[in-house]
Amino acid sequence: LATKSGLMVGLGETREEIEAVLDDLR
């Protein structure tokens, strides 16, 4: 089954934190 997730930016996050979330999802 294909799994999917979504994120918002603009709430005070950093690029490094977003990259860490991408790693968690993978």
mmCIF file of all heavy atoms, coordinates in Angstrom:
data_MODEL
# 
_entry.id   MODEL 
# 
loop_
_atom_site.group_PDB 
_atom_site.id 
_atom_site.type_symbol 
_atom_site.label_atom_id 
_atom_site.label_alt_id 
_atom_site.label_comp_id 
_atom_site.label_asym_id 
_atom_site.label_entity_id 
_atom_site.label_seq_id 
_atom_site.pdbx_PDB_ins_code 
_atom_site.Cartn_x 
_atom_site.Cartn_y 
_atom_site.Cartn_z 
_atom_site.occupancy 
_atom_site.B_iso_or_equiv 
_atom_site.pdbx_formal_charge 
_atom_site.auth_seq_id 
_atom_site.auth_comp_id 
_atom_site.auth_asym_id 
_atom_site.auth_atom_id 
_atom_site.pdbx_PDB_model_num 
ATOM 1   N N   . LEU A 1 1  ? 0.830  -1.201 0.000  1.00 0.00 ? 1  LEU A N   1 
ATOM 2   C CA  . LEU A 1 1  ? 0.000  0.000  0.000  1.00 0.00 ? 1  LEU A CA  1 
ATOM 3   C C   . LEU A 1 1  ? 0.869  1.257  0.000  1.00 0.00 ? 1  LEU A C   1 
ATOM 4   O O   . LEU A 1 1  ? 1.829  1.360  0.771  1.00 0.00 ? 1  LEU A O   1 
ATOM 5   C CB  . LEU A 1 1  ? -0.897 -0.006 1.239  1.00 0.00 ? 1  LEU A CB  1 
ATOM 6   C CG  . LEU A 1 1  ? -1.840 1.192  1.431  1.00 0.00 ? 1  LEU A CG  1 
ATOM 7   C CD1 . LEU A 1 1  ? -2.879 1.268  0.317  1.00 0.00 ? 1  LEU A CD1 1 
ATOM 8   C CD2 . LEU A 1 1  ? -2.536 1.102  2.794  1.00 0.00 ? 1  LEU A CD2 1 
ATOM 9   N N   . ALA A 1 2  ? 0.536  2.216  -0.848 1.00 0.00 ? 2  ALA A N   1 
ATOM 10  C CA  . ALA A 1 2  ? 1.254  3.491  -0.867 1.00 0.00 ? 2  ALA A CA  1 
ATOM 11  C C   . ALA A 1 2  ? 0.851  4.318  0.343  1.00 0.00 ? 2  ALA A C   1 
ATOM 12  O O   . ALA A 1 2  ? -0.342 4.524  0.601  1.00 0.00 ? 2  ALA A O   1 
ATOM 13  C CB  . ALA A 1 2  ? 0.938  4.256  -2.149 1.00 0.00 ? 2  ALA A CB  1 
ATOM 14  N N   . THR A 1 3  ? 1.834  4.783  1.103  1.00 0.00 ? 3  THR A N   1 
ATOM 15  C CA  . THR A 1 3  ? 1.567  5.641  2.255  1.00 0.00 ? 3  THR A CA  1 
ATOM 16  C C   . THR A 1 3  ? 2.073  7.050  1.970  1.00 0.00 ? 3  THR A C   1 
ATOM 17  O O   . THR A 1 3  ? 3.017  7.251  1.211  1.00 0.00 ? 3  THR A O   1 
ATOM 18  C CB  . THR A 1 3  ? 2.208  5.089  3.537  1.00 0.00 ? 3  THR A CB  1 
ATOM 19  O OG1 . THR A 1 3  ? 3.599  4.841  3.313  1.00 0.00 ? 3  THR A OG1 1 
ATOM 20  C CG2 . THR A 1 3  ? 1.517  3.806  3.973  1.00 0.00 ? 3  THR A CG2 1 
ATOM 21  N N   . LYS A 1 4  ? 1.439  8.006  2.620  1.00 0.00 ? 4  LYS A N   1 
ATOM 22  C CA  . LYS A 1 4  ? 1.648  9.416  2.274  1.00 0.00 ? 4  LYS A CA  1 
ATOM 23  C C   . LYS A 1 4  ? 1.486  10.263 3.522  1.00 0.00 ? 4  LYS A C   1 
ATOM 24  O O   . LYS A 1 4  ? 0.722  9.918  4.438  1.00 0.00 ? 4  LYS A O   1 
ATOM 25  C CB  . LYS A 1 4  ? 0.603  9.807  1.206  1.00 0.00 ? 4  LYS A CB  1 
ATOM 26  C CG  . LYS A 1 4  ? 0.616  11.233 0.720  1.00 0.00 ? 4  LYS A CG  1 
ATOM 27  C CD  . LYS A 1 4  ? -0.474 11.394 -0.351 1.00 0.00 ? 4  LYS A CD  1 
ATOM 28  C CE  . LYS A 1 4  ? -0.600 12.806 -0.857 1.00 0.00 ? 4  LYS A CE  1 
ATOM 29  N NZ  . LYS A 1 4  ? -1.692 12.940 -1.856 1.00 0.00 ? 4  LYS A NZ  1 
ATOM 30  N N   . SER A 1 5  ? 2.190  11.395 3.577  1.00 0.00 ? 5  SER A N   1 
ATOM 31  C CA  . SER A 1 5  ? 2.024  12.334 4.678  1.00 0.00 ? 5  SER A CA  1 
ATOM 32  C C   . SER A 1 5  ? 2.225  13.753 4.161  1.00 0.00 ? 5  SER A C   1 
ATOM 33  O O   . SER A 1 5  ? 2.720  13.964 3.048  1.00 0.00 ? 5  SER A O   1 
ATOM 34  C CB  . SER A 1 5  ? 3.006  12.035 5.811  1.00 0.00 ? 5  SER A CB  1 
ATOM 35  O OG  . SER A 1 5  ? 2.652  12.748 6.983  1.00 0.00 ? 5  SER A OG  1 
ATOM 36  N N   . GLY A 1 6  ? 1.815  14.730 4.969  1.00 0.00 ? 6  GLY A N   1 
ATOM 37  C CA  . GLY A 1 6  ? 1.915  16.124 4.560  1.00 0.00 ? 6  GLY A CA  1 
ATOM 38  C C   . GLY A 1 6  ? 2.403  17.016 5.690  1.00 0.00 ? 6  GLY A C   1 
ATOM 39  O O   . GLY A 1 6  ? 2.166  16.740 6.871  1.00 0.00 ? 6  GLY A O   1 
ATOM 40  N N   . LEU A 1 7  ? 3.106  18.081 5.304  1.00 0.00 ? 7  LEU A N   1 
ATOM 41  C CA  . LEU A 1 7  ? 3.641  19.054 6.248  1.00 0.00 ? 7  LEU A CA  1 
ATOM 42  C C   . LEU A 1 7  ? 3.266  20.457 5.827  1.00 0.00 ? 7  LEU A C   1 
ATOM 43  O O   . LEU A 1 7  ? 3.071  20.738 4.643  1.00 0.00 ? 7  LEU A O   1 
ATOM 44  C CB  . LEU A 1 7  ? 5.170  18.957 6.304  1.00 0.00 ? 7  LEU A CB  1 
ATOM 45  C CG  . LEU A 1 7  ? 5.801  17.624 6.680  1.00 0.00 ? 7  LEU A CG  1 
ATOM 46  C CD1 . LEU A 1 7  ? 7.304  17.697 6.465  1.00 0.00 ? 7  LEU A CD1 1 
ATOM 47  C CD2 . LEU A 1 7  ? 5.473  17.286 8.119  1.00 0.00 ? 7  LEU A CD2 1 
ATOM 48  N N   . MET A 1 8  ? 3.199  21.368 6.820  1.00 0.00 ? 8  MET A N   1 
ATOM 49  C CA  . MET A 1 8  ? 3.064  22.792 6.585  1.00 0.00 ? 8  MET A CA  1 
ATOM 50  C C   . MET A 1 8  ? 4.367  23.457 6.979  1.00 0.00 ? 8  MET A C   1 
ATOM 51  O O   . MET A 1 8  ? 5.031  23.014 7.917  1.00 0.00 ? 8  MET A O   1 
ATOM 52  C CB  . MET A 1 8  ? 1.957  23.409 7.448  1.00 0.00 ? 8  MET A CB  1 
ATOM 53  C CG  . MET A 1 8  ? 0.598  22.794 7.315  1.00 0.00 ? 8  MET A CG  1 
ATOM 54  S SD  . MET A 1 8  ? -0.543 23.496 8.550  1.00 0.00 ? 8  MET A SD  1 
ATOM 55  C CE  . MET A 1 8  ? 0.144  22.809 10.078 1.00 0.00 ? 8  MET A CE  1 
ATOM 56  N N   . VAL A 1 9  ? 4.722  24.541 6.293  1.00 0.00 ? 9  VAL A N   1 
ATOM 57  C CA  . VAL A 1 9  ? 5.838  25.371 6.744  1.00 0.00 ? 9  VAL A CA  1 
ATOM 58  C C   . VAL A 1 9  ? 5.329  26.793 6.930  1.00 0.00 ? 9  VAL A C   1 
ATOM 59  O O   . VAL A 1 9  ? 4.277  27.174 6.410  1.00 0.00 ? 9  VAL A O   1 
ATOM 60  C CB  . VAL A 1 9  ? 7.023  25.352 5.748  1.00 0.00 ? 9  VAL A CB  1 
ATOM 61  C CG1 . VAL A 1 9  ? 7.632  23.966 5.668  1.00 0.00 ? 9  VAL A CG1 1 
ATOM 62  C CG2 . VAL A 1 9  ? 6.593  25.839 4.358  1.00 0.00 ? 9  VAL A CG2 1 
ATOM 63  N N   . GLY A 1 10 ? 6.084  27.563 7.700  1.00 0.00 ? 10 GLY A N   1 
ATOM 64  C CA  . GLY A 1 10 ? 5.686  28.934 7.974  1.00 0.00 ? 10 GLY A CA  1 
ATOM 65  C C   . GLY A 1 10 ? 5.270  29.157 9.408  1.00 0.00 ? 10 GLY A C   1 
ATOM 66  O O   . GLY A 1 10 ? 4.746  30.214 9.757  1.00 0.00 ? 10 GLY A O   1 
ATOM 67  N N   . LEU A 1 11 ? 5.516  28.156 10.277 1.00 0.00 ? 11 LEU A N   1 
ATOM 68  C CA  . LEU A 1 11 ? 5.103  28.241 11.680 1.00 0.00 ? 11 LEU A CA  1 
ATOM 69  C C   . LEU A 1 11 ? 6.291  28.369 12.631 1.00 0.00 ? 11 LEU A C   1 
ATOM 70  O O   . LEU A 1 11 ? 6.142  28.213 13.831 1.00 0.00 ? 11 LEU A O   1 
ATOM 71  C CB  . LEU A 1 11 ? 4.258  27.012 12.048 1.00 0.00 ? 11 LEU A CB  1 
ATOM 72  C CG  . LEU A 1 11 ? 2.862  26.986 11.411 1.00 0.00 ? 11 LEU A CG  1 
ATOM 73  C CD1 . LEU A 1 11 ? 2.240  25.599 11.537 1.00 0.00 ? 11 LEU A CD1 1 
ATOM 74  C CD2 . LEU A 1 11 ? 1.962  28.028 12.064 1.00 0.00 ? 11 LEU A CD2 1 
ATOM 75  N N   . GLY A 1 12 ? 7.475  28.624 12.070 1.00 0.00 ? 12 GLY A N   1 
ATOM 76  C CA  . GLY A 1 12 ? 8.640  28.816 12.916 1.00 0.00 ? 12 GLY A CA  1 
ATOM 77  C C   . GLY A 1 12 ? 9.654  27.704 12.850 1.00 0.00 ? 12 GLY A C   1 
ATOM 78  O O   . GLY A 1 12 ? 10.606 27.682 13.638 1.00 0.00 ? 12 GLY A O   1 
ATOM 79  N N   . GLU A 1 13 ? 9.473  26.779 11.917 1.00 0.00 ? 13 GLU A N   1 
ATOM 80  C CA  . GLU A 1 13 ? 10.391 25.654 11.766 1.00 0.00 ? 13 GLU A CA  1 
ATOM 81  C C   . GLU A 1 13 ? 11.666 26.079 11.025 1.00 0.00 ? 13 GLU A C   1 
ATOM 82  O O   . GLU A 1 13 ? 11.704 27.123 10.375 1.00 0.00 ? 13 GLU A O   1 
ATOM 83  C CB  . GLU A 1 13 ? 9.711  24.521 10.985 1.00 0.00 ? 13 GLU A CB  1 
ATOM 84  C CG  . GLU A 1 13 ? 9.391  24.865 9.528  1.00 0.00 ? 13 GLU A CG  1 
ATOM 85  C CD  . GLU A 1 13 ? 8.316  25.897 9.368  1.00 0.00 ? 13 GLU A CD  1 
ATOM 86  O OE1 . GLU A 1 13 ? 7.280  25.810 10.043 1.00 0.00 ? 13 GLU A OE1 1 
ATOM 87  O OE2 . GLU A 1 13 ? 8.508  26.829 8.545  1.00 0.00 ? 13 GLU A OE2 1 
ATOM 88  N N   . THR A 1 14 ? 12.701 25.280 11.147 1.00 0.00 ? 14 THR A N   1 
ATOM 89  C CA  . THR A 1 14 ? 13.924 25.493 10.378 1.00 0.00 ? 14 THR A CA  1 
ATOM 90  C C   . THR A 1 14 ? 14.015 24.420 9.289  1.00 0.00 ? 14 THR A C   1 
ATOM 91  O O   . THR A 1 14 ? 13.359 23.368 9.364  1.00 0.00 ? 14 THR A O   1 
ATOM 92  C CB  . THR A 1 14 ? 15.179 25.394 11.259 1.00 0.00 ? 14 THR A CB  1 
ATOM 93  O OG1 . THR A 1 14 ? 15.313 24.039 11.728 1.00 0.00 ? 14 THR A OG1 1 
ATOM 94  C CG2 . THR A 1 14 ? 15.079 26.344 12.447 1.00 0.00 ? 14 THR A CG2 1 
ATOM 95  N N   . ARG A 1 15 ? 14.853 24.688 8.303  1.00 0.00 ? 15 ARG A N   1 
ATOM 96  C CA  . ARG A 1 15 ? 15.037 23.709 7.231  1.00 0.00 ? 15 ARG A CA  1 
ATOM 97  C C   . ARG A 1 15 ? 15.609 22.410 7.792  1.00 0.00 ? 15 ARG A C   1 
ATOM 98  O O   . ARG A 1 15 ? 15.238 21.312 7.348  1.00 0.00 ? 15 ARG A O   1 
ATOM 99  C CB  . ARG A 1 15 ? 15.960 24.276 6.154  1.00 0.00 ? 15 ARG A CB  1 
ATOM 100 C CG  . ARG A 1 15 ? 16.062 23.413 4.887  1.00 0.00 ? 15 ARG A CG  1 
ATOM 101 C CD  . ARG A 1 15 ? 17.037 24.032 3.901  1.00 0.00 ? 15 ARG A CD  1 
ATOM 102 N NE  . ARG A 1 15 ? 17.059 23.323 2.640  1.00 0.00 ? 15 ARG A NE  1 
ATOM 103 C CZ  . ARG A 1 15 ? 17.713 22.186 2.423  1.00 0.00 ? 15 ARG A CZ  1 
ATOM 104 N NH1 . ARG A 1 15 ? 18.384 21.632 3.413  1.00 0.00 ? 15 ARG A NH1 1 
ATOM 105 N NH2 . ARG A 1 15 ? 17.703 21.612 1.229  1.00 0.00 ? 15 ARG A NH2 1 
ATOM 106 N N   . GLU A 1 16 ? 16.491 22.516 8.754  1.00 0.00 ? 16 GLU A N   1 
ATOM 107 C CA  . GLU A 1 16 ? 17.094 21.326 9.354  1.00 0.00 ? 16 GLU A CA  1 
ATOM 108 C C   . GLU A 1 16 ? 16.040 20.478 10.063 1.00 0.00 ? 16 GLU A C   1 
ATOM 109 O O   . GLU A 1 16 ? 16.089 19.243 10.015 1.00 0.00 ? 16 GLU A O   1 
ATOM 110 C CB  . GLU A 1 16 ? 18.204 21.731 10.331 1.00 0.00 ? 16 GLU A CB  1 
ATOM 111 C CG  . GLU A 1 16 ? 19.438 22.335 9.685  1.00 0.00 ? 16 GLU A CG  1 
ATOM 112 C CD  . GLU A 1 16 ? 19.219 23.755 9.161  1.00 0.00 ? 16 GLU A CD  1 
ATOM 113 O OE1 . GLU A 1 16 ? 18.288 24.444 9.670  1.00 0.00 ? 16 GLU A OE1 1 
ATOM 114 O OE2 . GLU A 1 16 ? 19.968 24.169 8.248  1.00 0.00 ? 16 GLU A OE2 1 
ATOM 115 N N   . GLU A 1 17 ? 15.094 21.144 10.721 1.00 0.00 ? 17 GLU A N   1 
ATOM 116 C CA  . GLU A 1 17 ? 14.025 20.399 11.393 1.00 0.00 ? 17 GLU A CA  1 
ATOM 117 C C   . GLU A 1 17 ? 13.118 19.707 10.384 1.00 0.00 ? 17 GLU A C   1 
ATOM 118 O O   . GLU A 1 17 ? 12.673 18.571 10.613 1.00 0.00 ? 17 GLU A O   1 
ATOM 119 C CB  . GLU A 1 17 ? 13.217 21.351 12.276 1.00 0.00 ? 17 GLU A CB  1 
ATOM 120 C CG  . GLU A 1 17 ? 13.953 21.777 13.546 1.00 0.00 ? 17 GLU A CG  1 
ATOM 121 C CD  . GLU A 1 17 ? 13.178 22.815 14.335 1.00 0.00 ? 17 GLU A CD  1 
ATOM 122 O OE1 . GLU A 1 17 ? 12.647 23.774 13.725 1.00 0.00 ? 17 GLU A OE1 1 
ATOM 123 O OE2 . GLU A 1 17 ? 13.097 22.673 15.571 1.00 0.00 ? 17 GLU A OE2 1 
ATOM 124 N N   . ILE A 1 18 ? 12.828 20.367 9.269  1.00 0.00 ? 18 ILE A N   1 
ATOM 125 C CA  . ILE A 1 18 ? 12.028 19.740 8.221  1.00 0.00 ? 18 ILE A CA  1 
ATOM 126 C C   . ILE A 1 18 ? 12.758 18.521 7.663  1.00 0.00 ? 18 ILE A C   1 
ATOM 127 O O   . ILE A 1 18 ? 12.159 17.459 7.432  1.00 0.00 ? 18 ILE A O   1 
ATOM 128 C CB  . ILE A 1 18 ? 11.714 20.745 7.095  1.00 0.00 ? 18 ILE A CB  1 
ATOM 129 C CG1 . ILE A 1 18 ? 10.751 21.823 7.597  1.00 0.00 ? 18 ILE A CG1 1 
ATOM 130 C CG2 . ILE A 1 18 ? 11.130 20.026 5.874  1.00 0.00 ? 18 ILE A CG2 1 
ATOM 131 C CD1 . ILE A 1 18 ? 9.365  21.315 7.945  1.00 0.00 ? 18 ILE A CD1 1 
ATOM 132 N N   . GLU A 1 19 ? 14.071 18.659 7.461  1.00 0.00 ? 19 GLU A N   1 
ATOM 133 C CA  . GLU A 1 19 ? 14.843 17.525 6.949  1.00 0.00 ? 19 GLU A CA  1 
ATOM 134 C C   . GLU A 1 19 ? 14.783 16.345 7.922  1.00 0.00 ? 19 GLU A C   1 
ATOM 135 O O   . GLU A 1 19 ? 14.679 15.186 7.510  1.00 0.00 ? 19 GLU A O   1 
ATOM 136 C CB  . GLU A 1 19 ? 16.289 17.931 6.697  1.00 0.00 ? 19 GLU A CB  1 
ATOM 137 C CG  . GLU A 1 19 ? 17.123 16.805 6.111  1.00 0.00 ? 19 GLU A CG  1 
ATOM 138 C CD  . GLU A 1 19 ? 18.487 17.246 5.622  1.00 0.00 ? 19 GLU A CD  1 
ATOM 139 O OE1 . GLU A 1 19 ? 18.813 18.444 5.737  1.00 0.00 ? 19 GLU A OE1 1 
ATOM 140 O OE2 . GLU A 1 19 ? 19.229 16.377 5.121  1.00 0.00 ? 19 GLU A OE2 1 
ATOM 141 N N   . ALA A 1 20 ? 14.816 16.624 9.217  1.00 0.00 ? 20 ALA A N   1 
ATOM 142 C CA  . ALA A 1 20 ? 14.727 15.547 10.210 1.00 0.00 ? 20 ALA A CA  1 
ATOM 143 C C   . ALA A 1 20 ? 13.371 14.842 10.145 1.00 0.00 ? 20 ALA A C   1 
ATOM 144 O O   . ALA A 1 20 ? 13.288 13.618 10.304 1.00 0.00 ? 20 ALA A O   1 
ATOM 145 C CB  . ALA A 1 20 ? 14.964 16.108 11.616 1.00 0.00 ? 20 ALA A CB  1 
ATOM 146 N N   . VAL A 1 21 ? 12.302 15.599 9.892  1.00 0.00 ? 21 VAL A N   1 
ATOM 147 C CA  . VAL A 1 21 ? 10.975 14.994 9.745  1.00 0.00 ? 21 VAL A CA  1 
ATOM 148 C C   . VAL A 1 21 ? 10.928 14.106 8.502  1.00 0.00 ? 21 VAL A C   1 
ATOM 149 O O   . VAL A 1 21 ? 10.356 13.003 8.526  1.00 0.00 ? 21 VAL A O   1 
ATOM 150 C CB  . VAL A 1 21 ? 9.877  16.077 9.688  1.00 0.00 ? 21 VAL A CB  1 
ATOM 151 C CG1 . VAL A 1 21 ? 8.521  15.453 9.353  1.00 0.00 ? 21 VAL A CG1 1 
ATOM 152 C CG2 . VAL A 1 21 ? 9.791  16.818 11.022 1.00 0.00 ? 21 VAL A CG2 1 
ATOM 153 N N   . LEU A 1 22 ? 11.522 14.567 7.418  1.00 0.00 ? 22 LEU A N   1 
ATOM 154 C CA  . LEU A 1 22 ? 11.585 13.738 6.206  1.00 0.00 ? 22 LEU A CA  1 
ATOM 155 C C   . LEU A 1 22 ? 12.298 12.425 6.490  1.00 0.00 ? 22 LEU A C   1 
ATOM 156 O O   . LEU A 1 22 ? 11.868 11.354 6.034  1.00 0.00 ? 22 LEU A O   1 
ATOM 157 C CB  . LEU A 1 22 ? 12.293 14.495 5.082  1.00 0.00 ? 22 LEU A CB  1 
ATOM 158 C CG  . LEU A 1 22 ? 11.610 15.767 4.563  1.00 0.00 ? 22 LEU A CG  1 
ATOM 159 C CD1 . LEU A 1 22 ? 12.466 16.407 3.462  1.00 0.00 ? 22 LEU A CD1 1 
ATOM 160 C CD2 . LEU A 1 22 ? 10.208 15.491 4.044  1.00 0.00 ? 22 LEU A CD2 1 
ATOM 161 N N   . ASP A 1 23 ? 13.369 12.484 7.274  1.00 0.00 ? 23 ASP A N   1 
ATOM 162 C CA  . ASP A 1 23 ? 14.080 11.262 7.640  1.00 0.00 ? 23 ASP A CA  1 
ATOM 163 C C   . ASP A 1 23 ? 13.195 10.346 8.482  1.00 0.00 ? 23 ASP A C   1 
ATOM 164 O O   . ASP A 1 23 ? 13.182 9.118  8.280  1.00 0.00 ? 23 ASP A O   1 
ATOM 165 C CB  . ASP A 1 23 ? 15.353 11.602 8.418  1.00 0.00 ? 23 ASP A CB  1 
ATOM 166 C CG  . ASP A 1 23 ? 16.433 12.222 7.547  1.00 0.00 ? 23 ASP A CG  1 
ATOM 167 O OD1 . ASP A 1 23 ? 16.421 11.996 6.324  1.00 0.00 ? 23 ASP A OD1 1 
ATOM 168 O OD2 . ASP A 1 23 ? 17.278 12.963 8.096  1.00 0.00 ? 23 ASP A OD2 1 
ATOM 169 N N   . ASP A 1 24 ? 12.455 10.923 9.416  1.00 0.00 ? 24 ASP A N   1 
ATOM 170 C CA  . ASP A 1 24 ? 11.540 10.114 10.242 1.00 0.00 ? 24 ASP A CA  1 
ATOM 171 C C   . ASP A 1 24 ? 10.500 9.417  9.370  1.00 0.00 ? 24 ASP A C   1 
ATOM 172 O O   . ASP A 1 24 ? 10.157 8.247  9.600  1.00 0.00 ? 24 ASP A O   1 
ATOM 173 C CB  . ASP A 1 24 ? 10.836 10.994 11.277 1.00 0.00 ? 24 ASP A CB  1 
ATOM 174 C CG  . ASP A 1 24 ? 11.746 11.436 12.412 1.00 0.00 ? 24 ASP A CG  1 
ATOM 175 O OD1 . ASP A 1 24 ? 12.814 10.821 12.594 1.00 0.00 ? 24 ASP A OD1 1 
ATOM 176 O OD2 . ASP A 1 24 ? 11.378 12.397 13.110 1.00 0.00 ? 24 ASP A OD2 1 
ATOM 177 N N   . LEU A 1 25 ? 9.981  10.116 8.378  1.00 0.00 ? 25 LEU A N   1 
ATOM 178 C CA  . LEU A 1 25 ? 8.979  9.523  7.490  1.00 0.00 ? 25 LEU A CA  1 
ATOM 179 C C   . LEU A 1 25 ? 9.573  8.399  6.650  1.00 0.00 ? 25 LEU A C   1 
ATOM 180 O O   . LEU A 1 25 ? 8.941  7.363  6.443  1.00 0.00 ? 25 LEU A O   1 
ATOM 181 C CB  . LEU A 1 25 ? 8.377  10.602 6.589  1.00 0.00 ? 25 LEU A CB  1 
ATOM 182 C CG  . LEU A 1 25 ? 7.388  11.544 7.278  1.00 0.00 ? 25 LEU A CG  1 
ATOM 183 C CD1 . LEU A 1 25 ? 7.065  12.740 6.380  1.00 0.00 ? 25 LEU A CD1 1 
ATOM 184 C CD2 . LEU A 1 25 ? 6.098  10.806 7.646  1.00 0.00 ? 25 LEU A CD2 1 
ATOM 185 N N   . ARG A 1 26 ? 10.768 8.589  6.169  1.00 0.00 ? 26 ARG A N   1 
ATOM 186 C CA  . ARG A 1 26 ? 11.399 7.515  5.390  1.00 0.00 ? 26 ARG A CA  1 
ATOM 187 C C   . ARG A 1 26 ? 11.699 6.311  6.285  1.00 0.00 ? 26 ARG A C   1 
ATOM 188 O O   . ARG A 1 26 ? 11.652 5.161  5.819  1.00 0.00 ? 26 ARG A O   1 
ATOM 189 C CB  . ARG A 1 26 ? 12.687 8.013  4.732  1.00 0.00 ? 26 ARG A CB  1 
ATOM 190 C CG  . ARG A 1 26 ? 12.473 8.959  3.577  1.00 0.00 ? 26 ARG A CG  1 
ATOM 191 C CD  . ARG A 1 26 ? 11.630 8.325  2.442  1.00 0.00 ? 26 ARG A CD  1 
ATOM 192 N NE  . ARG A 1 26 ? 12.284 7.145  1.921  1.00 0.00 ? 26 ARG A NE  1 
ATOM 193 C CZ  . ARG A 1 26 ? 11.664 5.986  1.704  1.00 0.00 ? 26 ARG A CZ  1 
ATOM 194 N NH1 . ARG A 1 26 ? 10.365 5.845  1.974  1.00 0.00 ? 26 ARG A NH1 1 
ATOM 195 N NH2 . ARG A 1 26 ? 12.335 4.950  1.222  1.00 0.00 ? 26 ARG A NH2 1 
# 
